[in-house]
Amino acid sequence: MRHALGDQSIRVTSGFRSTACNNAAGHSATSRHLYGDAVDLGVSPHSLCTLAQRARYHGFNEILGPGYPGHSDHTHVANKSSRFWSASNCGI
């Protein structure tokens, strides 16, 4: 994904979380962050919508971004067994 974005940096604001950290952040007990296969991406040289759109193109099964409650300041991407995309402000 980084290469497809011109080898510019992608800002990761959250990656793997321990159970305690995940609970303190108020996130789901089934969060993929607990397994190390989810990241939250922040604005960098790329907009949150660009990141969400590229994540869709690159096969991420879970994408939550602008337009999804609680995701106005980041784009969440993860690999899950089922697909769920919601970033309505980005056309996803």
N, C-alpha and C. Protein backbone atom coordinates (compact mmCIF):
# COMPACT_ATOMS: atom_id res chain seq x y z
N MET A 1 0.83 -1.18 0.00
CA MET A 1 0.00 0.00 0.00
C MET A 1 0.88 1.25 0.00
N ARG A 2 1.92 1.22 0.80
CA ARG A 2 2.83 2.37 0.85
C ARG A 2 3.48 2.60 -0.51
N HIS A 3 3.89 1.54 -1.16
CA HIS A 3 4.51 1.67 -2.47
C HIS A 3 3.51 2.26 -3.48
N ALA A 4 2.26 1.82 -3.40
CA ALA A 4 1.23 2.33 -4.30
C ALA A 4 0.94 3.81 -4.07
N LEU A 5 1.29 4.30 -2.89
CA LEU A 5 1.09 5.72 -2.56
C LEU A 5 2.36 6.53 -2.78
N GLY A 6 3.21 6.05 -3.66
CA GLY A 6 4.40 6.80 -4.03
C GLY A 6 5.54 6.70 -3.04
N ASP A 7 5.55 5.64 -2.24
CA ASP A 7 6.59 5.43 -1.23
C ASP A 7 6.68 6.56 -0.21
N GLN A 8 5.57 7.25 -0.02
CA GLN A 8 5.50 8.28 1.02
C GLN A 8 5.09 7.61 2.33
N SER A 9 5.42 8.24 3.42
CA SER A 9 5.13 7.65 4.72
C SER A 9 3.62 7.53 4.95
N ILE A 10 3.27 6.53 5.74
CA ILE A 10 1.90 6.34 6.22
C ILE A 10 1.98 6.40 7.74
N ARG A 11 1.21 7.27 8.32
CA ARG A 11 1.26 7.47 9.77
C ARG A 11 0.38 6.45 10.48
N VAL A 12 0.99 5.58 11.27
CA VAL A 12 0.26 4.60 12.07
C VAL A 12 0.10 5.19 13.46
N THR A 13 -1.15 5.36 13.89
CA THR A 13 -1.42 5.95 15.20
C THR A 13 -1.72 4.89 16.26
N SER A 14 -2.04 3.67 15.83
CA SER A 14 -2.27 2.59 16.77
C SER A 14 -2.09 1.27 16.03
N GLY A 15 -1.42 0.33 16.69
CA GLY A 15 -1.21 -0.99 16.11
C GLY A 15 -1.65 -2.03 17.12
N PHE A 16 -0.74 -2.94 17.47
CA PHE A 16 -1.04 -3.96 18.47
C PHE A 16 -1.38 -3.29 19.80
N ARG A 17 -2.40 -3.82 20.47
CA ARG A 17 -2.76 -3.33 21.80
C ARG A 17 -2.86 -4.52 22.75
N SER A 18 -2.36 -4.34 23.95
CA SER A 18 -2.59 -5.34 25.00
C SER A 18 -4.06 -5.25 25.40
N THR A 19 -4.54 -6.26 26.10
CA THR A 19 -5.93 -6.24 26.56
C THR A 19 -6.19 -5.03 27.44
N ALA A 20 -5.26 -4.74 28.34
CA ALA A 20 -5.42 -3.59 29.25
C ALA A 20 -5.49 -2.29 28.47
N CYS A 21 -4.62 -2.12 27.50
CA CYS A 21 -4.62 -0.90 26.69
C CYS A 21 -5.90 -0.80 25.87
N ASN A 22 -6.32 -1.90 25.30
CA ASN A 22 -7.54 -1.92 24.50
C ASN A 22 -8.76 -1.57 25.36
N ASN A 23 -8.82 -2.13 26.55
CA ASN A 23 -9.93 -1.84 27.47
C ASN A 23 -9.91 -0.37 27.89
N ALA A 24 -8.73 0.15 28.18
CA ALA A 24 -8.61 1.55 28.60
C ALA A 24 -9.05 2.49 27.49
N ALA A 25 -8.84 2.08 26.26
CA ALA A 25 -9.24 2.91 25.12
C ALA A 25 -10.73 2.75 24.82
N GLY A 26 -11.38 1.81 25.51
CA GLY A 26 -12.82 1.61 25.32
C GLY A 26 -13.18 0.89 24.04
N HIS A 27 -12.28 0.06 23.56
CA HIS A 27 -12.53 -0.63 22.30
C HIS A 27 -13.06 -2.03 22.51
N SER A 28 -13.52 -2.64 21.45
CA SER A 28 -14.16 -3.94 21.46
C SER A 28 -13.25 -5.04 21.99
N ALA A 29 -13.86 -5.97 22.71
CA ALA A 29 -13.12 -7.13 23.21
C ALA A 29 -12.69 -8.06 22.08
N THR A 30 -13.26 -7.87 20.89
CA THR A 30 -12.88 -8.69 19.73
C THR A 30 -12.04 -7.90 18.73
N SER A 31 -11.51 -6.78 19.17
CA SER A 31 -10.69 -5.93 18.31
C SER A 31 -9.53 -6.69 17.69
N ARG A 32 -9.31 -6.49 16.42
CA ARG A 32 -8.18 -7.12 15.73
C ARG A 32 -6.85 -6.53 16.20
N HIS A 33 -6.89 -5.38 16.86
CA HIS A 33 -5.67 -4.80 17.44
C HIS A 33 -5.05 -5.77 18.46
N LEU A 34 -5.89 -6.55 19.13
CA LEU A 34 -5.41 -7.51 20.12
C LEU A 34 -4.59 -8.63 19.50
N TYR A 35 -4.74 -8.83 18.20
CA TYR A 35 -4.05 -9.90 17.49
C TYR A 35 -2.92 -9.37 16.61
N GLY A 36 -2.77 -8.07 16.56
CA GLY A 36 -1.69 -7.47 15.79
C GLY A 36 -1.94 -7.41 14.30
N ASP A 37 -3.19 -7.58 13.87
CA ASP A 37 -3.45 -7.47 12.43
C ASP A 37 -4.44 -6.35 12.10
N ALA A 38 -4.37 -5.29 12.90
CA ALA A 38 -5.16 -4.09 12.64
C ALA A 38 -4.30 -2.87 12.96
N VAL A 39 -4.51 -1.82 12.22
CA VAL A 39 -3.83 -0.55 12.50
C VAL A 39 -4.80 0.59 12.26
N ASP A 40 -4.56 1.68 12.97
CA ASP A 40 -5.26 2.93 12.73
C ASP A 40 -4.28 3.85 12.04
N LEU A 41 -4.73 4.46 10.97
CA LEU A 41 -3.89 5.33 10.17
C LEU A 41 -4.36 6.77 10.31
N GLY A 42 -3.43 7.67 10.51
CA GLY A 42 -3.74 9.09 10.65
C GLY A 42 -3.36 9.86 9.41
N VAL A 43 -3.82 11.09 9.37
CA VAL A 43 -3.49 11.97 8.25
C VAL A 43 -1.98 12.11 8.16
N SER A 44 -1.47 11.94 6.99
CA SER A 44 -0.04 12.08 6.71
C SER A 44 0.04 12.84 5.40
N PRO A 45 0.94 12.48 4.50
CA PRO A 45 0.84 13.13 3.20
C PRO A 45 -0.48 12.76 2.50
N HIS A 46 -1.20 11.77 3.05
CA HIS A 46 -2.42 11.25 2.43
C HIS A 46 -3.63 11.56 3.31
N SER A 47 -4.75 11.83 2.66
CA SER A 47 -5.99 12.05 3.41
C SER A 47 -6.49 10.72 3.95
N LEU A 48 -7.36 10.79 4.93
CA LEU A 48 -7.95 9.58 5.49
C LEU A 48 -8.75 8.83 4.44
N CYS A 49 -9.40 9.55 3.54
CA CYS A 49 -10.16 8.90 2.47
C CYS A 49 -9.25 8.21 1.48
N THR A 50 -8.13 8.82 1.14
CA THR A 50 -7.17 8.16 0.25
C THR A 50 -6.69 6.86 0.88
N LEU A 51 -6.41 6.88 2.17
CA LEU A 51 -5.96 5.68 2.86
C LEU A 51 -7.05 4.61 2.85
N ALA A 52 -8.29 4.99 3.10
CA ALA A 52 -9.40 4.03 3.09
C ALA A 52 -9.59 3.43 1.70
N GLN A 53 -9.54 4.28 0.68
CA GLN A 53 -9.73 3.79 -0.68
C GLN A 53 -8.60 2.86 -1.11
N ARG A 54 -7.37 3.18 -0.75
CA ARG A 54 -6.24 2.31 -1.09
C ARG A 54 -6.32 1.00 -0.32
N ALA A 55 -6.75 1.06 0.94
CA ALA A 55 -6.88 -0.16 1.73
C ALA A 55 -7.89 -1.11 1.08
N ARG A 56 -8.97 -0.55 0.55
CA ARG A 56 -9.97 -1.38 -0.15
C ARG A 56 -9.33 -2.03 -1.37
N TYR A 57 -8.60 -1.27 -2.13
CA TYR A 57 -7.95 -1.78 -3.33
C TYR A 57 -6.92 -2.86 -3.00
N HIS A 58 -6.28 -2.74 -1.84
CA HIS A 58 -5.23 -3.68 -1.45
C HIS A 58 -5.72 -4.85 -0.61
N GLY A 59 -7.03 -5.04 -0.52
CA GLY A 59 -7.58 -6.26 0.03
C GLY A 59 -7.84 -6.33 1.51
N PHE A 60 -7.85 -5.22 2.21
CA PHE A 60 -8.19 -5.27 3.64
C PHE A 60 -9.68 -5.60 3.77
N ASN A 61 -10.01 -6.51 4.67
CA ASN A 61 -11.40 -6.92 4.85
C ASN A 61 -12.19 -5.98 5.76
N GLU A 62 -11.50 -5.24 6.62
CA GLU A 62 -12.20 -4.30 7.49
C GLU A 62 -11.60 -2.92 7.29
N ILE A 63 -12.46 -1.99 6.93
CA ILE A 63 -12.06 -0.59 6.76
C ILE A 63 -13.12 0.27 7.41
N LEU A 64 -12.72 1.07 8.39
CA LEU A 64 -13.62 2.01 9.05
C LEU A 64 -12.96 3.37 8.99
N GLY A 65 -13.65 4.32 8.43
CA GLY A 65 -13.05 5.64 8.28
C GLY A 65 -14.07 6.74 8.39
N PRO A 66 -13.73 7.93 7.90
CA PRO A 66 -14.62 9.08 8.00
C PRO A 66 -16.04 8.75 7.53
N GLY A 67 -16.98 9.08 8.38
CA GLY A 67 -18.38 8.77 8.13
C GLY A 67 -18.87 7.62 9.00
N TYR A 68 -17.94 6.85 9.55
CA TYR A 68 -18.29 5.79 10.49
C TYR A 68 -18.10 6.36 11.90
N PRO A 69 -19.05 6.15 12.81
CA PRO A 69 -18.96 6.75 14.14
C PRO A 69 -17.61 6.47 14.83
N GLY A 70 -17.02 7.53 15.36
CA GLY A 70 -15.77 7.43 16.10
C GLY A 70 -14.53 7.34 15.23
N HIS A 71 -14.67 7.55 13.93
CA HIS A 71 -13.52 7.40 13.02
C HIS A 71 -13.30 8.64 12.16
N SER A 72 -13.62 9.80 12.69
CA SER A 72 -13.42 11.02 11.92
C SER A 72 -11.97 11.47 11.89
N ASP A 73 -11.14 10.93 12.81
CA ASP A 73 -9.75 11.37 12.89
C ASP A 73 -8.75 10.29 12.51
N HIS A 74 -9.24 9.14 12.01
CA HIS A 74 -8.34 8.07 11.57
C HIS A 74 -9.08 7.11 10.65
N THR A 75 -8.33 6.30 9.96
CA THR A 75 -8.87 5.20 9.18
C THR A 75 -8.34 3.91 9.79
N HIS A 76 -9.25 3.03 10.14
CA HIS A 76 -8.91 1.74 10.75
C HIS A 76 -8.92 0.69 9.64
N VAL A 77 -7.87 -0.10 9.55
CA VAL A 77 -7.82 -1.21 8.59
C VAL A 77 -7.40 -2.47 9.32
N ALA A 78 -7.99 -3.59 8.91
CA ALA A 78 -7.68 -4.87 9.55
C ALA A 78 -7.96 -6.01 8.59
N ASN A 79 -7.43 -7.15 8.93
CA ASN A 79 -7.74 -8.38 8.21
C ASN A 79 -8.63 -9.21 9.11
N LYS A 80 -9.82 -9.48 8.63
CA LYS A 80 -10.79 -10.30 9.35
C LYS A 80 -11.27 -11.38 8.39
N SER A 81 -12.01 -12.33 8.92
CA SER A 81 -12.53 -13.39 8.07
C SER A 81 -13.70 -12.92 7.22
N SER A 82 -14.42 -11.91 7.68
CA SER A 82 -15.54 -11.36 6.90
C SER A 82 -15.27 -9.91 6.56
N ARG A 83 -15.89 -9.45 5.50
CA ARG A 83 -15.65 -8.09 5.03
C ARG A 83 -16.65 -7.11 5.63
N PHE A 84 -16.15 -5.99 6.11
CA PHE A 84 -16.99 -4.89 6.57
C PHE A 84 -16.26 -3.59 6.27
N TRP A 85 -16.80 -2.84 5.34
CA TRP A 85 -16.22 -1.56 4.96
C TRP A 85 -17.24 -0.47 5.29
N SER A 86 -16.80 0.56 5.96
CA SER A 86 -17.68 1.70 6.21
C SER A 86 -16.85 2.97 6.40
N ALA A 87 -16.84 3.74 5.37
CA ALA A 87 -16.22 5.08 5.38
C ALA A 87 -17.05 5.91 4.41
N SER A 88 -18.29 6.17 4.82
CA SER A 88 -19.26 6.78 3.91
C SER A 88 -18.84 8.14 3.37
N ASN A 89 -18.06 8.88 4.13
CA ASN A 89 -17.58 10.18 3.62
C ASN A 89 -16.57 10.01 2.50
N CYS A 90 -16.09 8.79 2.32
CA CYS A 90 -15.07 8.49 1.31
C CYS A 90 -15.63 7.65 0.15
N GLY A 91 -16.93 7.42 0.16
CA GLY A 91 -17.54 6.62 -0.88
C GLY A 91 -17.37 5.12 -0.68
N ILE A 92 -17.07 4.71 0.55
CA ILE A 92 -16.87 3.28 0.84
C ILE A 92 -17.97 2.83 1.79
